[in-house]
Amino acid sequence: MSEYQYYEFLAVDRPLDAREQAAVRALSTRAQISATSFTNEYHWGDFRGDPLQLMERYYDAHLYFANWGSRTLMVRLPLGVLEVEAVEPYLVDPLVTAWDTAGHLILGLHSDHEDAEFFGVDDLYTLAGLVGVRAELAAGDLRPLYLGWLAAQGTWDRDEGAFGSDNEDVQEPPVPPGLSELTASQRALADFLRLDPDLLTVAAQASPPSADTRLPAKQLASRVGRIPSGEKDRLLVLVARGESLVAQAELRRRLSSEGVATCDELTRRTVAELLDAAHLIRQEKHRRAEAARVEAEAERERKSAAARERRLAAVSADVEGGWARVEAMIVTKKPAEYDAAVTLLEDLRVVAERADQVGEFGARLAALRTRHQRKPSLVRRIDQAGLFVGSG
């Protein structure tokens, strides 16, 4: 595959009308376009539209990836759903970006890896597996943002020029709870952004468990009852205007008695500390894997040695039968049988050495070689095996 690009857009909050669909259709005649989606693949050429403009005008989610290593996920949320102040600590230009329009906040998560190999089916993604992070962000779950920040910092491991040396002293942003129990969409996002699993393991060590933030019915009713009627009316107007996400976010913040738990400011780690800790985990995993490989190899050798001893015991119990089997295999004139005959001759030599009968073995082998000297393939195998006394 010399070139491959995939573009996908989704309209979640509001479908595109006929005029808007026509405007998008003018940008790509071959795309699959509906009131809620746009999908197209390019094996040559490129998309004529600007994904940023399409996100600003029409769509709530965008996925892009190419076989040369570029990956992008964008999500759009109505202003007020996610506070800009909460987003800013996670931004890493140009890999984690955010900008606002008249009515929306748009987040961009990017990953580039020029040396990445593109195999095909296993490297294909769709918004179906990733768009869930939009709803999670809308619900106040900041894990997708932290994953984006962490994946961006992780690029330093494969590209030393990704950041300046002063970046190693940068502190991590607030660590949201539940990094050790990611949702399916968040796991897909981590994979999409090439987040190193060991780096995620390190980050999760400072992440408190997810807590059930749902209030009991009576407590929820009590807090809702204390909201001024004018404020309730304003929230209902937002819902009626189709801005339920904004209303839900405002109501959630108002009703929440406790902020989202994050790691303490004093315990936040620097980028260097995170990367170094992940490196130590990788080293330990490599050490364990190497130890397991050495042990497995030793076990294979032990089993092989035991099997050979059993084979030699059988040959020793019937030496004449062994020579007869050698002759029978040679008669077939088949290469595989020649190989088996030479292997048996090697066993016969070991048995002879142990019985102090090497001279007799050498004489019988020489006679066998002479009898079959017109079988060059066999003779070559015997000579290469170094079976004669004093050879090998």
Protein backbone atom coordinates (compact mmCIF):
# COMPACT_ATOMS: atom_id res chain seq x y z
CA MET A 1 0.00 0.00 0.00
CA SER A 2 1.80 3.14 -1.21
CA GLU A 3 -0.67 5.67 0.24
CA TYR A 4 -3.73 5.49 2.45
CA GLN A 5 -5.75 8.18 4.23
CA TYR A 6 -8.99 7.83 6.17
CA TYR A 7 -11.37 10.67 7.02
CA GLU A 8 -14.47 10.32 9.18
CA PHE A 9 -16.78 12.94 10.69
CA LEU A 10 -19.83 12.58 12.93
CA ALA A 11 -22.60 15.03 13.75
CA VAL A 12 -23.83 14.06 17.22
CA ASP A 13 -25.82 16.97 18.62
CA ARG A 14 -27.50 18.13 15.42
CA PRO A 15 -27.84 16.43 12.02
CA LEU A 16 -26.84 18.29 8.87
CA ASP A 17 -29.68 19.65 6.77
CA ALA A 18 -29.86 19.21 2.99
CA ARG A 19 -28.00 22.43 2.27
CA GLU A 20 -25.17 21.53 4.60
CA GLN A 21 -24.89 18.03 3.17
CA ALA A 22 -24.66 19.52 -0.32
CA ALA A 23 -21.86 21.81 0.83
CA VAL A 24 -19.93 18.84 2.20
CA ARG A 25 -20.68 16.78 -0.91
CA ALA A 26 -19.02 19.48 -3.02
CA LEU A 27 -15.77 18.71 -1.20
CA SER A 28 -15.78 14.97 -1.97
CA THR A 29 -17.88 13.25 -4.60
CA ARG A 30 -16.87 9.74 -3.52
CA ALA A 31 -17.48 10.06 0.22
CA GLN A 32 -20.30 8.30 2.02
CA ILE A 33 -22.34 11.19 3.36
CA SER A 34 -25.48 11.24 5.47
CA ALA A 35 -27.13 13.72 7.79
CA THR A 36 -24.90 12.52 10.63
CA SER A 37 -21.72 11.16 9.05
CA PHE A 38 -19.00 11.57 6.45
CA THR A 39 -16.59 8.75 5.60
CA ASN A 40 -14.01 8.46 2.86
CA GLU A 41 -10.77 6.64 2.09
CA TYR A 42 -8.05 7.96 -0.19
CA HIS A 43 -5.53 5.70 -1.92
CA TRP A 44 -4.32 8.57 -4.06
CA GLY A 45 -4.98 12.28 -4.03
CA ASP A 46 -6.27 14.07 -0.95
CA PHE A 47 -9.40 15.50 0.65
CA ARG A 48 -10.14 18.99 -0.70
CA GLY A 49 -11.82 20.17 2.49
CA ASP A 50 -10.34 21.60 5.68
CA PRO A 51 -11.16 19.34 8.67
CA LEU A 52 -10.83 22.28 11.07
CA GLN A 53 -13.45 24.28 9.19
CA LEU A 54 -15.78 21.28 8.96
CA MET A 55 -15.51 20.80 12.70
CA GLU A 56 -16.22 24.47 13.33
CA ARG A 57 -19.27 24.46 11.04
CA TYR A 58 -20.88 21.03 11.06
CA TYR A 59 -19.42 18.12 12.99
CA ASP A 60 -18.87 17.06 16.61
CA ALA A 61 -16.16 14.43 16.07
CA HIS A 62 -13.46 13.80 13.47
CA LEU A 63 -11.05 10.92 12.94
CA TYR A 64 -8.10 10.92 10.57
CA PHE A 65 -5.18 8.58 10.04
CA ALA A 66 -2.70 7.88 7.26
CA ASN A 67 -0.31 5.07 6.53
CA TRP A 68 2.69 7.38 7.00
CA GLY A 69 1.99 7.59 10.73
CA SER A 70 -0.27 10.64 11.20
CA ARG A 71 -3.31 10.26 13.48
CA THR A 72 -5.84 12.84 14.65
CA LEU A 73 -8.98 12.80 16.77
CA MET A 74 -11.04 15.95 17.24
CA VAL A 75 -14.13 16.43 19.38
CA ARG A 76 -16.38 19.47 19.60
CA LEU A 77 -18.40 20.42 22.66
CA PRO A 78 -20.75 23.34 23.24
CA LEU A 79 -19.16 26.20 25.16
CA GLY A 80 -19.82 25.81 28.84
CA VAL A 81 -19.83 22.02 28.85
CA LEU A 82 -16.11 21.79 29.58
CA GLU A 83 -14.45 24.70 31.32
CA VAL A 84 -11.49 26.11 29.42
CA GLU A 85 -9.55 26.45 32.68
CA ALA A 86 -9.86 22.70 33.21
CA VAL A 87 -8.55 21.95 29.70
CA GLU A 88 -5.54 24.26 29.58
CA PRO A 89 -3.18 22.24 31.85
CA TYR A 90 -3.39 19.28 29.46
CA LEU A 91 -2.49 21.14 26.26
CA VAL A 92 0.79 20.21 24.54
CA ASP A 93 1.31 22.16 21.35
CA PRO A 94 0.92 20.82 18.67
CA LEU A 95 -0.18 17.37 19.89
CA VAL A 96 -2.97 18.33 22.29
CA THR A 97 -4.74 21.50 21.18
CA ALA A 98 -7.92 23.43 21.91
CA TRP A 99 -9.64 26.40 20.37
CA ASP A 100 -13.07 27.95 20.63
CA THR A 101 -15.58 29.29 18.16
CA ALA A 102 -18.65 31.39 18.78
CA GLY A 103 -20.48 28.43 20.27
CA HIS A 104 -18.06 25.53 20.72
CA LEU A 105 -14.83 24.32 22.24
CA ILE A 106 -12.87 22.00 19.94
CA LEU A 107 -10.18 19.64 21.18
CA GLY A 108 -7.54 18.07 18.95
CA LEU A 109 -5.48 15.01 19.88
CA HIS A 110 -2.65 14.14 17.51
CA SER A 111 0.05 11.51 17.11
CA ASP A 112 2.78 11.29 14.47
CA HIS A 113 5.26 8.48 14.02
CA GLU A 114 7.02 8.47 10.67
CA ASP A 115 8.79 5.16 11.34
CA ALA A 116 5.59 3.32 12.28
CA GLU A 117 4.72 0.38 10.06
CA PHE A 118 1.21 0.25 8.66
CA PHE A 119 0.02 -3.35 8.37
CA GLY A 120 -3.58 -2.93 7.31
CA VAL A 121 -6.59 -4.29 9.20
CA ASP A 122 -5.05 -4.03 12.67
CA ASP A 123 -4.16 -0.39 12.03
CA LEU A 124 -7.64 0.69 10.95
CA TYR A 125 -9.80 2.75 13.31
CA THR A 126 -13.33 4.15 13.22
CA LEU A 127 -15.08 6.81 15.25
CA ALA A 128 -17.43 4.17 16.62
CA GLY A 129 -14.70 3.01 18.98
CA LEU A 130 -13.44 6.47 19.91
CA VAL A 131 -16.34 8.90 19.92
CA GLY A 132 -17.31 7.76 23.42
CA VAL A 133 -14.58 9.99 24.85
CA ARG A 134 -16.67 13.01 23.80
CA ALA A 135 -19.52 12.01 26.09
CA GLU A 136 -17.04 11.23 28.84
CA LEU A 137 -15.48 14.68 28.56
CA ALA A 138 -18.95 16.21 28.54
CA ALA A 139 -19.66 14.37 31.80
CA GLY A 140 -16.57 15.90 33.40
CA ASP A 141 -14.26 12.89 32.96
CA LEU A 142 -10.82 14.33 32.23
CA ARG A 143 -9.08 11.01 31.62
CA PRO A 144 -9.11 11.43 27.81
CA LEU A 145 -7.29 14.75 28.17
CA TYR A 146 -4.71 13.28 30.51
CA LEU A 147 -4.16 10.36 28.12
CA GLY A 148 -3.57 12.85 25.32
CA TRP A 149 -1.06 14.79 27.44
CA LEU A 150 0.73 11.62 28.51
CA ALA A 151 0.90 10.22 24.96
CA ALA A 152 2.32 13.54 23.76
CA GLN A 153 5.08 13.44 26.38
CA GLY A 154 5.77 9.83 25.47
CA THR A 155 6.83 10.86 21.97
CA TRP A 156 10.10 11.93 23.59
CA ASP A 157 11.06 8.28 23.89
CA ARG A 158 11.03 7.78 20.11
CA ASP A 159 11.93 11.32 19.04
CA GLU A 160 14.56 13.11 21.12
CA GLY A 161 13.91 16.31 19.20
CA ALA A 162 10.20 16.40 20.03
CA PHE A 163 10.72 18.84 22.92
CA GLY A 164 13.44 21.03 24.34
CA SER A 165 15.53 19.81 27.27
CA ASP A 166 13.65 22.10 29.66
CA ASN A 167 10.50 20.03 29.04
CA GLU A 168 11.77 17.33 31.37
CA ASP A 169 11.08 19.60 34.36
CA VAL A 170 7.47 20.23 33.33
CA GLN A 171 5.01 18.93 35.93
CA GLU A 172 2.15 16.72 34.95
CA PRO A 173 -1.34 18.26 34.96
CA PRO A 174 -3.97 17.16 37.51
CA VAL A 175 -4.16 13.36 37.47
CA PRO A 176 -7.81 12.31 37.19
CA PRO A 177 -9.13 9.29 39.06
CA GLY A 178 -9.57 5.92 37.39
CA LEU A 179 -6.49 5.74 35.14
CA SER A 180 -6.11 2.10 36.09
CA GLU A 181 -9.68 1.34 35.01
CA LEU A 182 -10.10 3.01 31.64
CA THR A 183 -13.30 2.74 29.65
CA ALA A 184 -13.34 0.95 26.29
CA SER A 185 -13.23 4.30 24.47
CA GLN A 186 -10.31 5.46 26.58
CA ARG A 187 -8.38 2.26 25.93
CA ALA A 188 -8.99 2.73 22.21
CA LEU A 189 -7.80 6.34 22.51
CA ALA A 190 -4.61 5.28 24.31
CA ASP A 191 -3.90 2.80 21.52
CA PHE A 192 -4.74 5.34 18.81
CA LEU A 193 -2.33 7.89 20.32
CA ARG A 194 0.39 5.23 20.72
CA LEU A 195 0.50 5.69 24.48
CA ASP A 196 3.17 3.43 25.94
CA PRO A 197 1.43 0.97 28.33
CA ASP A 198 4.35 1.19 30.78
CA LEU A 199 4.06 4.98 30.88
CA LEU A 200 0.34 4.61 31.57
CA THR A 201 1.11 2.15 34.38
CA VAL A 202 3.41 4.71 35.99
CA ALA A 203 0.85 7.50 35.62
CA ALA A 204 -1.92 5.37 37.12
CA GLN A 205 0.08 4.90 40.31
CA ALA A 206 -0.90 8.44 41.34
CA SER A 207 -4.50 8.14 40.17
CA PRO A 208 -7.11 7.49 42.88
CA PRO A 209 -9.83 4.92 42.14
CA SER A 210 -12.97 6.11 40.43
CA ALA A 211 -15.66 7.01 42.92
CA ASP A 212 -19.39 6.79 42.48
CA THR A 213 -20.32 10.47 42.37
CA ARG A 214 -24.04 9.84 42.02
CA LEU A 215 -25.99 11.38 44.87
CA PRO A 216 -28.70 9.41 46.67
CA ALA A 217 -32.17 10.35 45.41
CA LYS A 218 -33.17 12.22 48.57
CA GLN A 219 -29.93 14.20 48.71
CA LEU A 220 -30.16 15.01 45.00
CA ALA A 221 -33.77 16.20 45.39
CA SER A 222 -32.76 18.35 48.35
CA ARG A 223 -29.98 20.08 46.44
CA VAL A 224 -32.15 20.62 43.37
CA GLY A 225 -34.80 22.15 45.63
CA ARG A 226 -32.29 24.75 46.84
CA ILE A 227 -31.56 25.99 43.33
CA PRO A 228 -33.28 29.36 42.76
CA SER A 229 -36.30 29.08 40.48
CA GLY A 230 -34.86 31.61 38.04
CA GLU A 231 -31.76 29.45 37.62
CA LYS A 232 -33.89 26.36 37.08
CA ASP A 233 -35.86 28.18 34.40
CA ARG A 234 -32.64 29.20 32.66
CA LEU A 235 -31.42 25.59 32.63
CA LEU A 236 -34.76 24.40 31.25
CA VAL A 237 -34.53 26.98 28.48
CA LEU A 238 -31.11 25.59 27.56
CA VAL A 239 -32.62 22.09 27.33
CA ALA A 240 -35.51 23.36 25.20
CA ARG A 241 -33.04 25.01 22.82
CA GLY A 242 -31.22 21.71 22.33
CA GLU A 243 -28.33 22.68 24.62
CA SER A 244 -28.87 19.87 27.09
CA LEU A 245 -25.14 19.16 27.36
CA VAL A 246 -24.52 22.70 28.58
CA ALA A 247 -27.44 22.49 31.03
CA GLN A 248 -26.24 19.12 32.31
CA ALA A 249 -22.68 20.37 32.79
CA GLU A 250 -23.83 23.47 34.69
CA LEU A 251 -26.21 21.45 36.82
CA ARG A 252 -23.52 18.87 37.56
CA ARG A 253 -21.08 21.55 38.71
CA ARG A 254 -23.74 23.22 40.83
CA LEU A 255 -24.83 20.01 42.54
CA SER A 256 -21.36 18.65 43.12
CA SER A 257 -20.37 19.12 46.72
CA GLU A 258 -16.83 17.95 46.13
CA GLY A 259 -14.42 18.61 43.30
CA VAL A 260 -13.00 15.82 41.21
CA ALA A 261 -10.29 14.04 43.14
CA THR A 262 -6.83 14.43 41.65
CA CYS A 263 -3.34 13.84 42.93
CA ASP A 264 -2.04 16.52 45.27
CA GLU A 265 -0.10 19.42 43.75
CA LEU A 266 2.95 18.47 45.80
CA THR A 267 2.96 14.89 44.56
CA ARG A 268 2.75 15.68 40.84
CA ARG A 269 5.64 14.25 38.92
CA THR A 270 7.79 15.82 36.25
CA VAL A 271 7.93 14.55 32.69
CA ALA A 272 11.43 13.21 33.34
CA GLU A 273 10.26 11.31 36.42
CA LEU A 274 7.39 9.72 34.50
CA LEU A 275 9.56 8.70 31.53
CA ASP A 276 12.37 7.40 33.76
CA ALA A 277 9.94 5.32 35.83
CA ALA A 278 8.43 3.86 32.65
CA HIS A 279 11.95 3.05 31.42
CA LEU A 280 12.65 1.15 34.64
CA ILE A 281 9.45 -0.85 34.19
CA ARG A 282 10.49 -1.73 30.62
CA GLN A 283 13.95 -2.76 31.83
CA GLU A 284 12.44 -4.99 34.51
CA LYS A 285 10.03 -6.56 32.01
CA HIS A 286 12.93 -7.15 29.63
CA ARG A 287 14.97 -8.71 32.46
CA ARG A 288 12.10 -11.02 33.39
CA ALA A 289 11.49 -11.95 29.77
CA GLU A 290 15.17 -12.72 29.25
CA ALA A 291 15.29 -14.78 32.45
CA ALA A 292 12.21 -16.68 31.31
CA ARG A 293 13.78 -17.23 27.88
CA VAL A 294 17.01 -18.56 29.42
CA GLU A 295 15.07 -20.84 31.75
CA ALA A 296 12.90 -22.11 28.91
CA GLU A 297 16.00 -22.78 26.79
CA ALA A 298 17.63 -24.62 29.68
CA GLU A 299 14.47 -26.69 30.15
CA ARG A 300 14.41 -27.53 26.45
CA GLU A 301 18.05 -28.60 26.65
CA ARG A 302 17.34 -30.74 29.73
CA LYS A 303 14.45 -32.45 27.98
CA SER A 304 16.49 -32.90 24.82
CA ALA A 305 19.38 -34.42 26.79
CA ALA A 306 17.02 -36.76 28.65
CA ALA A 307 15.38 -37.81 25.39
CA ARG A 308 18.79 -38.49 23.83
CA GLU A 309 19.84 -40.59 26.80
CA ARG A 310 16.70 -42.68 26.43
CA ARG A 311 17.44 -43.05 22.74
CA LEU A 312 21.07 -44.01 23.40
CA ALA A 313 19.94 -46.56 25.99
CA ALA A 314 17.69 -48.16 23.36
CA VAL A 315 20.52 -48.19 20.79
CA SER A 316 22.96 -49.65 23.33
CA ALA A 317 20.52 -52.46 24.09
CA ASP A 318 20.44 -53.49 20.41
CA VAL A 319 23.56 -52.33 18.57
CA GLU A 320 23.19 -54.87 15.78
CA GLY A 321 19.60 -53.85 15.28
CA GLY A 322 20.79 -50.25 14.98
CA TRP A 323 23.23 -51.09 12.19
CA ALA A 324 20.50 -53.04 10.42
CA ARG A 325 18.16 -50.01 10.59
CA VAL A 326 20.90 -47.84 9.11
CA GLU A 327 21.21 -50.20 6.13
CA ALA A 328 17.43 -50.30 5.70
CA MET A 329 17.20 -46.51 5.61
CA ILE A 330 20.04 -46.22 3.10
CA VAL A 331 18.34 -48.68 0.75
CA THR A 332 15.39 -46.28 0.33
CA LYS A 333 17.69 -43.72 -1.36
CA LYS A 334 15.58 -40.93 0.10
CA PRO A 335 17.31 -37.78 1.44
CA ALA A 336 15.21 -37.73 4.60
CA GLU A 337 16.11 -41.37 5.29
CA TYR A 338 19.79 -40.55 4.69
CA ASP A 339 19.53 -37.86 7.37
CA ALA A 340 17.89 -40.29 9.78
CA ALA A 341 20.59 -42.89 9.04
CA VAL A 342 23.37 -40.41 9.84
CA THR A 343 21.62 -39.44 13.09
CA LEU A 344 21.49 -43.11 14.10
CA LEU A 345 25.15 -43.52 13.17
CA GLU A 346 25.97 -40.63 15.50
CA ASP A 347 24.17 -42.47 18.31
CA LEU A 348 26.03 -45.68 17.48
CA ARG A 349 29.32 -43.82 17.69
CA VAL A 350 28.48 -42.46 21.18
CA VAL A 351 27.46 -45.94 22.33
CA ALA A 352 30.76 -47.32 20.94
CA GLU A 353 32.77 -44.62 22.73
CA ARG A 354 31.10 -45.43 26.03
CA ALA A 355 31.78 -49.15 25.53
CA ASP A 356 35.40 -48.50 24.51
CA GLN A 357 34.68 -49.98 21.06
CA VAL A 358 35.52 -46.97 18.90
CA GLY A 359 37.88 -49.02 16.70
CA GLU A 360 35.17 -51.53 15.82
CA PHE A 361 32.72 -48.70 15.06
CA GLY A 362 35.25 -47.03 12.74
CA ALA A 363 35.85 -50.24 10.83
CA ARG A 364 32.15 -50.92 10.32
CA LEU A 365 31.53 -47.30 9.26
CA ALA A 366 34.39 -47.44 6.74
CA ALA A 367 32.99 -50.66 5.28
CA LEU A 368 29.51 -49.09 5.06
CA ARG A 369 30.91 -46.04 3.28
CA THR A 370 32.74 -48.22 0.79
CA ARG A 371 29.65 -50.29 0.03
CA HIS A 372 27.67 -47.15 -0.69
CA GLN A 373 30.37 -45.01 -2.28
CA ARG A 374 28.19 -44.56 -5.38
CA LYS A 375 25.67 -42.66 -3.28
CA PRO A 376 27.39 -39.25 -3.17
CA SER A 377 24.56 -37.63 -1.23
CA LEU A 378 24.89 -40.20 1.55
CA VAL A 379 28.68 -40.10 1.55
CA ARG A 380 28.65 -36.33 1.79
CA ARG A 381 26.33 -36.49 4.80
CA ILE A 382 28.57 -39.02 6.54
CA ASP A 383 31.70 -36.95 5.93
CA GLN A 384 30.02 -33.71 7.04
CA ALA A 385 28.88 -35.35 10.27
CA GLY A 386 32.51 -36.10 11.20
CA LEU A 387 31.67 -39.67 12.21
CA PHE A 388 35.08 -41.27 11.63
CA VAL A 389 37.31 -41.90 14.60
CA GLY A 390 39.47 -38.89 15.37
CA SER A 391 37.19 -36.49 13.45
CA GLY A 392 34.60 -34.04 14.82
